[in-house]
Structure formats: structure tokens, C-alpha cells
């Protein structure tokens, strides 16, 4: 992997602990609508929602994400503990914290 690709894929990722189960993932909010999540553990073992999905005989890749984790990330953006990287009109990235 080139340095540029690595930078694109990993820059701005921050640890985030799910407020429901405590699973820690790496998160980057590229915009209010786009969230990058990198699991640092096997989701089917560390996340109860993924574990239940697997226990029911379904493949974990068919589960888009955990609703509890998504809600936890939304709450972190709302309370200001997770920043949203927006693009300004000139194309440069700016870290913006959105409160609610």
C-alpha cells in the first residue's frame, strides 16, 4: 500500500468506545452523513449485536453496522467529543465540532 493510500485510509481515525457494550473501534466522521469505522477486534466476538447475528447463522459481513455503535457515535458528535471533518469551499479540510 502506498503512503498516500495509507494516509487516506487511516488519517483522522480516533478511538471510540461504544457506550452500549464498550467495544472500542477507530472512527472518522468525514461529514455528518459519512462515517468511517475500523474494527480493532473481531466484531462477532466483541459486539453483542454482531455476536447475535452470527449465532443466528447469518454472516457478519451482511450486517452493515451495529445500531448501538452508530447511536454512540452520533451522541459523541452531538456532545462534541468526536469532530466532523468538513470540506470548506476551497477544498481544504477543516475540523468542525457539531453540537446539538
PDB file of N, CA and C in Angstrom:
ATOM      1  N   UNK A   1       0.847  -1.172   0.000  1.00  0.00           N
ATOM      2  CA  UNK A   1       0.000   0.000   0.000  1.00  0.00           C
ATOM      3  C   UNK A   1       0.897   1.242   0.000  1.00  0.00           C
ATOM      4  N   UNK A   2       0.553   2.202  -0.830  1.00  0.00           N
ATOM      5  CA  UNK A   2       1.360   3.416  -0.879  1.00  0.00           C
ATOM      6  C   UNK A   2       1.086   4.283   0.344  1.00  0.00           C
ATOM      7  N   UNK A   3       1.995   5.190   0.603  1.00  0.00           N
ATOM      8  CA  UNK A   3       1.840   6.103   1.741  1.00  0.00           C
ATOM      9  C   UNK A   3       0.581   6.946   1.590  1.00  0.00           C
ATOM     10  N   UNK A   4       0.260   7.333   0.352  1.00  0.00           N
ATOM     11  CA  UNK A   4      -0.931   8.153   0.117  1.00  0.00           C
ATOM     12  C   UNK A   4      -2.214   7.380   0.444  1.00  0.00           C
ATOM     13  N   UNK A   5      -2.241   6.113   0.048  1.00  0.00           N
ATOM     14  CA  UNK A   5      -3.416   5.282   0.326  1.00  0.00           C
ATOM     15  C   UNK A   5      -3.545   5.054   1.828  1.00  0.00           C
ATOM     16  N   UNK A   6      -2.444   4.749   2.476  1.00  0.00           N
ATOM     17  CA  UNK A   6      -2.454   4.550   3.924  1.00  0.00           C
ATOM     18  C   UNK A   6      -2.945   5.809   4.632  1.00  0.00           C
ATOM     19  N   UNK A   7      -2.443   6.953   4.223  1.00  0.00           N
ATOM     20  CA  UNK A   7      -2.862   8.226   4.814  1.00  0.00           C
ATOM     21  C   UNK A   7      -4.360   8.449   4.613  1.00  0.00           C
ATOM     22  N   UNK A   8      -4.844   8.183   3.389  1.00  0.00           N
ATOM     23  CA  UNK A   8      -6.260   8.374   3.089  1.00  0.00           C
ATOM     24  C   UNK A   8      -7.130   7.468   3.957  1.00  0.00           C
ATOM     25  N   UNK A   9      -6.697   6.230   4.154  1.00  0.00           N
ATOM     26  CA  UNK A   9      -7.493   5.252   4.890  1.00  0.00           C
ATOM     27  C   UNK A   9      -7.423   5.411   6.400  1.00  0.00           C
ATOM     28  N   UNK A  10      -6.321   5.956   6.919  1.00  0.00           N
ATOM     29  CA  UNK A  10      -6.144   5.977   8.373  1.00  0.00           C
ATOM     30  C   UNK A  10      -6.115   7.365   9.005  1.00  0.00           C
ATOM     31  N   UNK A  11      -5.883   8.399   8.224  1.00  0.00           N
ATOM     32  CA  UNK A  11      -5.786   9.753   8.788  1.00  0.00           C
ATOM     33  C   UNK A  11      -7.094  10.149   9.461  1.00  0.00           C
ATOM     34  N   UNK A  12      -6.977  10.675  10.634  1.00  0.00           N
ATOM     35  CA  UNK A  12      -8.145  11.189  11.339  1.00  0.00           C
ATOM     36  C   UNK A  12      -8.927  10.154  12.131  1.00  0.00           C
ATOM     37  N   UNK A  13      -8.538   8.888  12.073  1.00  0.00           N
ATOM     38  CA  UNK A  13      -9.241   7.873  12.853  1.00  0.00           C
ATOM     39  C   UNK A  13      -8.956   8.086  14.336  1.00  0.00           C
ATOM     40  N   UNK A  14     -10.000   8.031  15.141  1.00  0.00           N
ATOM     41  CA  UNK A  14      -9.884   8.228  16.580  1.00  0.00           C
ATOM     42  C   UNK A  14     -10.543   7.064  17.305  1.00  0.00           C
ATOM     43  N   UNK A  15      -9.979   6.631  18.426  1.00  0.00           N
ATOM     44  CA  UNK A  15     -10.628   5.566  19.195  1.00  0.00           C
ATOM     45  C   UNK A  15     -11.981   6.030  19.717  1.00  0.00           C
ATOM     46  N   UNK A  16     -12.946   5.130  19.660  1.00  0.00           N
ATOM     47  CA  UNK A  16     -14.272   5.426  20.211  1.00  0.00           C
ATOM     48  C   UNK A  16     -14.797   4.158  20.859  1.00  0.00           C
ATOM     49  N   UNK A  17     -15.234   4.286  22.083  1.00  0.00           N
ATOM     50  CA  UNK A  17     -15.786   3.159  22.825  1.00  0.00           C
ATOM     51  C   UNK A  17     -17.307   3.218  22.765  1.00  0.00           C
ATOM     52  N   UNK A  18     -17.921   2.140  22.300  1.00  0.00           N
ATOM     53  CA  UNK A  18     -19.374   2.072  22.230  1.00  0.00           C
ATOM     54  C   UNK A  18     -19.956   2.261  23.630  1.00  0.00           C
ATOM     55  N   UNK A  19     -20.886   3.154  23.753  1.00  0.00           N
ATOM     56  CA  UNK A  19     -21.480   3.440  25.058  1.00  0.00           C
ATOM     57  C   UNK A  19     -22.427   2.344  25.522  1.00  0.00           C
ATOM     58  N   UNK A  20     -22.759   1.421  24.615  1.00  0.00           N
ATOM     59  CA  UNK A  20     -23.644   0.323  24.981  1.00  0.00           C
ATOM     60  C   UNK A  20     -22.871  -0.882  25.510  1.00  0.00           C
ATOM     61  N   UNK A  21     -21.820  -1.303  24.776  1.00  0.00           N
ATOM     62  CA  UNK A  21     -21.121  -2.539  25.169  1.00  0.00           C
ATOM     63  C   UNK A  21     -19.644  -2.352  25.492  1.00  0.00           C
ATOM     64  N   UNK A  22     -19.088  -1.185  25.185  1.00  0.00           N
ATOM     65  CA  UNK A  22     -17.696  -0.914  25.499  1.00  0.00           C
ATOM     66  C   UNK A  22     -16.699  -1.328  24.435  1.00  0.00           C
ATOM     67  N   UNK A  23     -17.172  -1.915  23.325  1.00  0.00           N
ATOM     68  CA  UNK A  23     -16.263  -2.276  22.239  1.00  0.00           C
ATOM     69  C   UNK A  23     -15.587  -1.017  21.709  1.00  0.00           C
ATOM     70  N   UNK A  24     -14.268  -1.085  21.521  1.00  0.00           N
ATOM     71  CA  UNK A  24     -13.523   0.064  21.014  1.00  0.00           C
ATOM     72  C   UNK A  24     -13.242  -0.117  19.519  1.00  0.00           C
ATOM     73  N   UNK A  25     -13.586   0.897  18.739  1.00  0.00           N
ATOM     74  CA  UNK A  25     -13.324   0.931  17.297  1.00  0.00           C
ATOM     75  C   UNK A  25     -12.588   2.223  16.983  1.00  0.00           C
ATOM     76  N   UNK A  26     -12.067   2.331  15.778  1.00  0.00           N
ATOM     77  CA  UNK A  26     -11.489   3.583  15.298  1.00  0.00           C
ATOM     78  C   UNK A  26     -12.518   4.238  14.390  1.00  0.00           C
ATOM     79  N   UNK A  27     -12.749   5.543  14.595  1.00  0.00           N
ATOM     80  CA  UNK A  27     -13.812   6.249  13.885  1.00  0.00           C
ATOM     81  C   UNK A  27     -13.291   7.543  13.289  1.00  0.00           C
ATOM     82  N   UNK A  28     -13.811   7.865  12.108  1.00  0.00           N
ATOM     83  CA  UNK A  28     -13.588   9.170  11.500  1.00  0.00           C
ATOM     84  C   UNK A  28     -14.909   9.623  10.911  1.00  0.00           C
ATOM     85  N   UNK A  29     -15.343  10.793  11.322  1.00  0.00           N
ATOM     86  CA  UNK A  29     -16.545  11.391  10.738  1.00  0.00           C
ATOM     87  C   UNK A  29     -16.092  12.310   9.614  1.00  0.00           C
ATOM     88  N   UNK A  30     -16.223  11.841   8.373  1.00  0.00           N
ATOM     89  CA  UNK A  30     -15.822  12.633   7.219  1.00  0.00           C
ATOM     90  C   UNK A  30     -16.816  13.746   6.938  1.00  0.00           C
ATOM     91  N   UNK A  31     -18.071  13.518   7.268  1.00  0.00           N
ATOM     92  CA  UNK A  31     -19.141  14.508   7.174  1.00  0.00           C
ATOM     93  C   UNK A  31     -20.244  14.019   8.104  1.00  0.00           C
ATOM     94  N   UNK A  32     -21.305  14.778   8.209  1.00  0.00           N
ATOM     95  CA  UNK A  32     -22.396  14.334   9.077  1.00  0.00           C
ATOM     96  C   UNK A  32     -23.014  13.036   8.564  1.00  0.00           C
ATOM     97  N   UNK A  33     -22.947  12.808   7.255  1.00  0.00           N
ATOM     98  CA  UNK A  33     -23.553  11.617   6.665  1.00  0.00           C
ATOM     99  C   UNK A  33     -22.572  10.458   6.468  1.00  0.00           C
ATOM    100  N   UNK A  34     -21.272  10.714   6.505  1.00  0.00           N
ATOM    101  CA  UNK A  34     -20.283   9.671   6.207  1.00  0.00           C
ATOM    102  C   UNK A  34     -19.406   9.405   7.415  1.00  0.00           C
ATOM    103  N   UNK A  35     -19.430   8.145   7.852  1.00  0.00           N
ATOM    104  CA  UNK A  35     -18.636   7.708   8.996  1.00  0.00           C
ATOM    105  C   UNK A  35     -17.761   6.542   8.572  1.00  0.00           C
ATOM    106  N   UNK A  36     -16.473   6.624   8.838  1.00  0.00           N
ATOM    107  CA  UNK A  36     -15.564   5.507   8.619  1.00  0.00           C
ATOM    108  C   UNK A  36     -15.337   4.825   9.957  1.00  0.00           C
ATOM    109  N   UNK A  37     -15.516   3.505   9.975  1.00  0.00           N
ATOM    110  CA  UNK A  37     -15.314   2.718  11.187  1.00  0.00           C
ATOM    111  C   UNK A  37     -14.339   1.611  10.881  1.00  0.00           C
ATOM    112  N   UNK A  38     -13.310   1.504  11.699  1.00  0.00           N
ATOM    113  CA  UNK A  38     -12.343   0.415  11.571  1.00  0.00           C
ATOM    114  C   UNK A  38     -12.392  -0.379  12.869  1.00  0.00           C
ATOM    115  N   UNK A  39     -12.789  -1.644  12.748  1.00  0.00           N
ATOM    116  CA  UNK A  39     -12.850  -2.513  13.914  1.00  0.00           C
ATOM    117  C   UNK A  39     -11.441  -2.931  14.282  1.00  0.00           C
ATOM    118  N   UNK A  40     -11.132  -2.891  15.557  1.00  0.00           N
ATOM    119  CA  UNK A  40      -9.808  -3.290  16.036  1.00  0.00           C
ATOM    120  C   UNK A  40      -9.855  -4.691  16.651  1.00  0.00           C
ATOM    121  N   UNK A  41     -11.051  -5.251  16.706  1.00  0.00           N
ATOM    122  CA  UNK A  41     -11.275  -6.592  17.231  1.00  0.00           C
ATOM    123  C   UNK A  41     -12.198  -7.323  16.257  1.00  0.00           C
ATOM    124  N   UNK A  42     -12.402  -8.605  16.485  1.00  0.00           N
ATOM    125  CA  UNK A  42     -13.379  -9.374  15.713  1.00  0.00           C
ATOM    126  C   UNK A  42     -14.764  -8.953  16.196  1.00  0.00           C
ATOM    127  N   UNK A  43     -15.509  -8.261  15.349  1.00  0.00           N
ATOM    128  CA  UNK A  43     -16.812  -7.729  15.745  1.00  0.00           C
ATOM    129  C   UNK A  43     -17.765  -8.816  16.215  1.00  0.00           C
ATOM    130  N   UNK A  44     -17.665  -9.993  15.635  1.00  0.00           N
ATOM    131  CA  UNK A  44     -18.586 -11.070  16.021  1.00  0.00           C
ATOM    132  C   UNK A  44     -18.285 -11.620  17.414  1.00  0.00           C
ATOM    133  N   UNK A  45     -17.160 -11.221  17.977  1.00  0.00           N
ATOM    134  CA  UNK A  45     -16.822 -11.648  19.341  1.00  0.00           C
ATOM    135  C   UNK A  45     -16.912 -10.502  20.342  1.00  0.00           C
ATOM    136  N   UNK A  46     -16.673  -9.283  19.904  1.00  0.00           N
ATOM    137  CA  UNK A  46     -16.632  -8.165  20.846  1.00  0.00           C
ATOM    138  C   UNK A  46     -17.939  -7.378  20.919  1.00  0.00           C
ATOM    139  N   UNK A  47     -18.767  -7.467  19.885  1.00  0.00           N
ATOM    140  CA  UNK A  47     -20.028  -6.707  19.847  1.00  0.00           C
ATOM    141  C   UNK A  47     -21.195  -7.671  20.011  1.00  0.00           C
ATOM    142  N   UNK A  48     -22.041  -7.485  21.024  1.00  0.00           N
ATOM    143  CA  UNK A  48     -23.180  -8.380  21.239  1.00  0.00           C
ATOM    144  C   UNK A  48     -24.144  -8.445  20.052  1.00  0.00           C
ATOM    145  N   UNK A  49     -24.312  -7.345  19.332  1.00  0.00           N
ATOM    146  CA  UNK A  49     -25.217  -7.332  18.177  1.00  0.00           C
ATOM    147  C   UNK A  49     -24.658  -8.204  17.059  1.00  0.00           C
ATOM    148  N   UNK A  50     -23.368  -8.054  16.752  1.00  0.00           N
ATOM    149  CA  UNK A  50     -22.743  -8.896  15.738  1.00  0.00           C
ATOM    150  C   UNK A  50     -22.727 -10.351  16.194  1.00  0.00           C
ATOM    151  N   UNK A  51     -22.463 -10.594  17.484  1.00  0.00           N
ATOM    152  CA  UNK A  51     -22.436 -11.961  18.017  1.00  0.00           C
ATOM    153  C   UNK A  51     -23.798 -12.632  17.860  1.00  0.00           C
ATOM    154  N   UNK A  52     -24.867 -11.910  18.130  1.00  0.00           N
ATOM    155  CA  UNK A  52     -26.216 -12.457  17.976  1.00  0.00           C
ATOM    156  C   UNK A  52     -26.512 -12.751  16.510  1.00  0.00           C
ATOM    157  N   UNK A  53     -26.048 -11.896  15.639  1.00  0.00           N
ATOM    158  CA  UNK A  53     -26.232 -12.081  14.193  1.00  0.00           C
ATOM    159  C   UNK A  53     -25.566 -13.387  13.755  1.00  0.00           C
ATOM    160  N   UNK A  54     -24.331 -13.613  14.217  1.00  0.00           N
ATOM    161  CA  UNK A  54     -23.583 -14.829  13.878  1.00  0.00           C
ATOM    162  C   UNK A  54     -24.237 -16.055  14.529  1.00  0.00           C
ATOM    163  N   UNK A  55     -24.675 -15.925  15.779  1.00  0.00           N
ATOM    164  CA  UNK A  55     -25.314 -17.043  16.487  1.00  0.00           C
ATOM    165  C   UNK A  55     -26.597 -17.485  15.783  1.00  0.00           C
ATOM    166  N   UNK A  56     -27.236 -16.551  15.081  1.00  0.00           N
ATOM    167  CA  UNK A  56     -28.464 -16.872  14.344  1.00  0.00           C
ATOM    168  C   UNK A  56     -28.153 -17.492  12.976  1.00  0.00           C
ATOM    169  N   UNK A  57     -26.859 -17.692  12.694  1.00  0.00           N
ATOM    170  CA  UNK A  57     -26.461 -18.342  11.456  1.00  0.00           C
ATOM    171  C   UNK A  57     -26.252 -17.417  10.277  1.00  0.00           C
ATOM    172  N   UNK A  58     -26.223 -16.122  10.548  1.00  0.00           N
ATOM    173  CA  UNK A  58     -26.023 -15.155   9.463  1.00  0.00           C
ATOM    174  C   UNK A  58     -24.562 -14.731   9.433  1.00  0.00           C
ATOM    175  N   UNK A  59     -24.083 -14.382   8.250  1.00  0.00           N
ATOM    176  CA  UNK A  59     -22.694 -13.960   8.082  1.00  0.00           C
ATOM    177  C   UNK A  59     -22.541 -12.517   8.576  1.00  0.00           C
ATOM    178  N   UNK A  60     -21.488 -12.211   9.355  1.00  0.00           N
ATOM    179  CA  UNK A  60     -21.330 -10.854   9.897  1.00  0.00           C
ATOM    180  C   UNK A  60     -21.151  -9.786   8.816  1.00  0.00           C
ATOM    181  N   UNK A  61     -20.659 -10.167   7.643  1.00  0.00           N
ATOM    182  CA  UNK A  61     -20.469  -9.175   6.573  1.00  0.00           C
ATOM    183  C   UNK A  61     -21.808  -8.648   6.050  1.00  0.00           C
ATOM    184  N   UNK A  62     -22.894  -9.357   6.331  1.00  0.00           N
ATOM    185  CA  UNK A  62     -24.215  -8.926   5.869  1.00  0.00           C
ATOM    186  C   UNK A  62     -24.864  -7.917   6.806  1.00  0.00           C
ATOM    187  N   UNK A  63     -24.239  -7.666   7.947  1.00  0.00           N
ATOM    188  CA  UNK A  63     -24.727  -6.677   8.905  1.00  0.00           C
ATOM    189  C   UNK A  63     -23.953  -5.392   8.670  1.00  0.00           C
ATOM    190  N   UNK A  64     -24.640  -4.346   8.265  1.00  0.00           N
ATOM    191  CA  UNK A  64     -23.981  -3.090   7.917  1.00  0.00           C
ATOM    192  C   UNK A  64     -23.202  -2.521   9.089  1.00  0.00           C
ATOM    193  N   UNK A  65     -23.856  -2.371  10.209  1.00  0.00           N
ATOM    194  CA  UNK A  65     -23.202  -1.883  11.424  1.00  0.00           C
ATOM    195  C   UNK A  65     -24.100  -2.196  12.612  1.00  0.00           C
ATOM    196  N   UNK A  66     -23.625  -1.888  13.768  1.00  0.00           N
ATOM    197  CA  UNK A  66     -24.409  -2.056  14.989  1.00  0.00           C
ATOM    198  C   UNK A  66     -25.130  -0.743  15.271  1.00  0.00           C
ATOM    199  N   UNK A  67     -26.446  -0.824  15.448  1.00  0.00           N
ATOM    200  CA  UNK A  67     -27.218   0.390  15.734  1.00  0.00           C
ATOM    201  C   UNK A  67     -26.751   1.076  17.008  1.00  0.00           C
ATOM    202  N   UNK A  68     -26.365   0.284  18.006  1.00  0.00           N
ATOM    203  CA  UNK A  68     -25.904   0.867  19.272  1.00  0.00           C
ATOM    204  C   UNK A  68     -24.603   1.642  19.064  1.00  0.00           C
ATOM    205  N   UNK A  69     -23.700   1.096  18.254  1.00  0.00           N
ATOM    206  CA  UNK A  69     -22.448   1.788  17.949  1.00  0.00           C
ATOM    207  C   UNK A  69     -22.736   3.063  17.162  1.00  0.00           C
ATOM    208  N   UNK A  70     -23.613   2.968  16.169  1.00  0.00           N
ATOM    209  CA  UNK A  70     -23.971   4.152  15.376  1.00  0.00           C
ATOM    210  C   UNK A  70     -24.567   5.244  16.269  1.00  0.00           C
ATOM    211  N   UNK A  71     -25.452   4.847  17.184  1.00  0.00           N
ATOM    212  CA  UNK A  71     -26.048   5.820  18.118  1.00  0.00           C
ATOM    213  C   UNK A  71     -24.972   6.422  19.024  1.00  0.00           C
ATOM    214  N   UNK A  72     -24.028   5.598  19.468  1.00  0.00           N
ATOM    215  CA  UNK A  72     -22.948   6.068  20.326  1.00  0.00           C
ATOM    216  C   UNK A  72     -22.090   7.102  19.596  1.00  0.00           C
ATOM    217  N   UNK A  73     -21.805   6.849  18.326  1.00  0.00           N
ATOM    218  CA  UNK A  73     -21.010   7.793  17.532  1.00  0.00           C
ATOM    219  C   UNK A  73     -21.788   9.093  17.330  1.00  0.00           C
ATOM    220  N   UNK A  74     -23.081   8.988  17.041  1.00  0.00           N
ATOM    221  CA  UNK A  74     -23.923  10.180  16.878  1.00  0.00           C
ATOM    222  C   UNK A  74     -23.935  10.999  18.161  1.00  0.00           C
ATOM    223  N   UNK A  75     -24.056  10.329  19.296  1.00  0.00           N
ATOM    224  CA  UNK A  75     -24.032  11.031  20.588  1.00  0.00           C
ATOM    225  C   UNK A  75     -22.691  11.723  20.813  1.00  0.00           C
ATOM    226  N   UNK A  76     -21.588  11.062  20.415  1.00  0.00           N
ATOM    227  CA  UNK A  76     -20.257  11.659  20.591  1.00  0.00           C
ATOM    228  C   UNK A  76     -20.099  12.910  19.732  1.00  0.00           C
ATOM    229  N   UNK A  77     -20.668  12.898  18.536  1.00  0.00           N
ATOM    230  CA  UNK A  77     -20.637  14.097  17.687  1.00  0.00           C
ATOM    231  C   UNK A  77     -21.473  15.189  18.348  1.00  0.00           C
ATOM    232  N   UNK A  78     -22.640  14.820  18.812  1.00  0.00           N
ATOM    233  CA  UNK A  78     -23.559  15.790  19.426  1.00  0.00           C
ATOM    234  C   UNK A  78     -22.961  16.426  20.676  1.00  0.00           C
ATOM    235  N   UNK A  79     -22.256  15.610  21.499  1.00  0.00           N
ATOM    236  CA  UNK A  79     -21.705  16.177  22.740  1.00  0.00           C
ATOM    237  C   UNK A  79     -20.321  16.804  22.542  1.00  0.00           C
ATOM    238  N   UNK A  80     -19.801  16.749  21.305  1.00  0.00           N
ATOM    239  CA  UNK A  80     -18.540  17.432  20.993  1.00  0.00           C
ATOM    240  C   UNK A  80     -17.289  16.619  21.237  1.00  0.00           C
ATOM    241  N   UNK A  81     -17.430  15.353  21.629  1.00  0.00           N
ATOM    242  CA  UNK A  81     -16.231  14.564  21.867  1.00  0.00           C
ATOM    243  C   UNK A  81     -15.668  13.907  20.601  1.00  0.00           C
ATOM    244  N   UNK A  82     -16.412  13.983  19.490  1.00  0.00           N
ATOM    245  CA  UNK A  82     -15.947  13.485  18.204  1.00  0.00           C
ATOM    246  C   UNK A  82     -16.186  14.563  17.158  1.00  0.00           C
ATOM    247  N   UNK A  83     -15.121  14.961  16.470  1.00  0.00           N
ATOM    248  CA  UNK A  83     -15.209  16.032  15.479  1.00  0.00           C
ATOM    249  C   UNK A  83     -15.651  15.495  14.120  1.00  0.00           C
ATOM    250  N   UNK A  84     -16.256  16.376  13.331  1.00  0.00           N
ATOM    251  CA  UNK A  84     -16.643  16.077  11.958  1.00  0.00           C
ATOM    252  C   UNK A  84     -15.713  16.844  11.044  1.00  0.00           C
ATOM    253  N   UNK A  85     -15.065  16.139  10.126  1.00  0.00           N
ATOM    254  CA  UNK A  85     -14.167  16.785   9.162  1.00  0.00           C
ATOM    255  C   UNK A  85     -15.001  17.222   7.965  1.00  0.00           C
ATOM    256  N   UNK A  86     -15.204  18.496   7.816  1.00  0.00           N
ATOM    257  CA  UNK A  86     -15.937  19.049   6.673  1.00  0.00           C
ATOM    258  C   UNK A  86     -14.958  19.621   5.672  1.00  0.00           C
ATOM    259  N   UNK A  87     -15.382  19.728   4.461  1.00  0.00           N
ATOM    260  CA  UNK A  87     -14.587  20.380   3.421  1.00  0.00           C
ATOM    261  C   UNK A  87     -15.084  21.823   3.273  1.00  0.00           C
ATOM    262  N   UNK A  88     -14.152  22.749   3.304  1.00  0.00           N
ATOM    263  CA  UNK A  88     -14.532  24.136   3.079  1.00  0.00           C
ATOM    264  C   UNK A  88     -14.723  24.354   1.582  1.00  0.00           C
ATOM    265  N   UNK A  89     -15.209  25.499   1.184  1.00  0.00           N
ATOM    266  CA  UNK A  89     -15.451  25.781  -0.232  1.00  0.00           C
ATOM    267  C   UNK A  89     -14.191  25.747  -1.066  1.00  0.00           C
ATOM    268  N   UNK A  90     -13.030  26.012  -0.465  1.00  0.00           N
ATOM    269  CA  UNK A  90     -11.781  25.985  -1.240  1.00  0.00           C
ATOM    270  C   UNK A  90     -11.185  24.581  -1.294  1.00  0.00           C
ATOM    271  N   UNK A  91     -11.886  23.597  -0.684  1.00  0.00           N
ATOM    272  CA  UNK A  91     -11.439  22.208  -0.762  1.00  0.00           C
ATOM    273  C   UNK A  91     -10.560  21.764   0.390  1.00  0.00           C
ATOM    274  N   UNK A  92     -10.117  22.687   1.241  1.00  0.00           N
ATOM    275  CA  UNK A  92      -9.262  22.268   2.354  1.00  0.00           C
ATOM    276  C   UNK A  92     -10.124  21.683   3.457  1.00  0.00           C
ATOM    277  N   UNK A  93      -9.558  20.760   4.178  1.00  0.00           N
ATOM    278  CA  UNK A  93     -10.290  20.104   5.259  1.00  0.00           C
ATOM    279  C   UNK A  93     -10.252  20.975   6.493  1.00  0.00           C
ATOM    280  N   UNK A  94     -11.339  21.003   7.201  1.00  0.00           N
ATOM    281  CA  UNK A  94     -11.421  21.743   8.466  1.00  0.00           C
ATOM    282  C   UNK A  94     -12.120  20.853   9.471  1.00  0.00           C
ATOM    283  N   UNK A  95     -11.598  20.778  10.673  1.00  0.00           N
ATOM    284  CA  UNK A  95     -12.252  20.011  11.721  1.00  0.00           C
ATOM    285  C   UNK A  95     -13.338  20.880  12.350  1.00  0.00           C
ATOM    286  N   UNK A  96     -14.546  20.375  12.333  1.00  0.00           N
ATOM    287  CA  UNK A  96     -15.666  21.112  12.867  1.00  0.00           C
ATOM    288  C   UNK A  96     -16.369  20.227  13.879  1.00  0.00           C
ATOM    289  N   UNK A  97     -16.647  20.757  15.032  1.00  0.00           N
ATOM    290  CA  UNK A  97     -17.395  20.013  16.027  1.00  0.00           C
ATOM    291  C   UNK A  97     -18.817  20.535  16.000  1.00  0.00           C
ATOM    292  N   UNK A  98     -19.747  19.621  15.818  1.00  0.00           N
ATOM    293  CA  UNK A  98     -21.151  19.989  15.765  1.00  0.00           C
ATOM    294  C   UNK A  98     -21.785  19.618  17.101  1.00  0.00           C
ATOM    295  N   UNK A  99     -22.475  20.530  17.679  1.00  0.00           N
ATOM    296  CA  UNK A  99     -23.189  20.258  18.914  1.00  0.00           C
ATOM    297  C   UNK A  99     -24.670  20.209  18.655  1.00  0.00           C
ATOM    298  N   UNK A 100     -25.428  19.753  19.613  1.00  0.00           N
ATOM    299  CA  UNK A 100     -26.861  19.659  19.343  1.00  0.00           C
ATOM    300  C   UNK A 100     -27.689  19.868  20.552  1.00  0.00           C
TER     301      UNK A 100
END
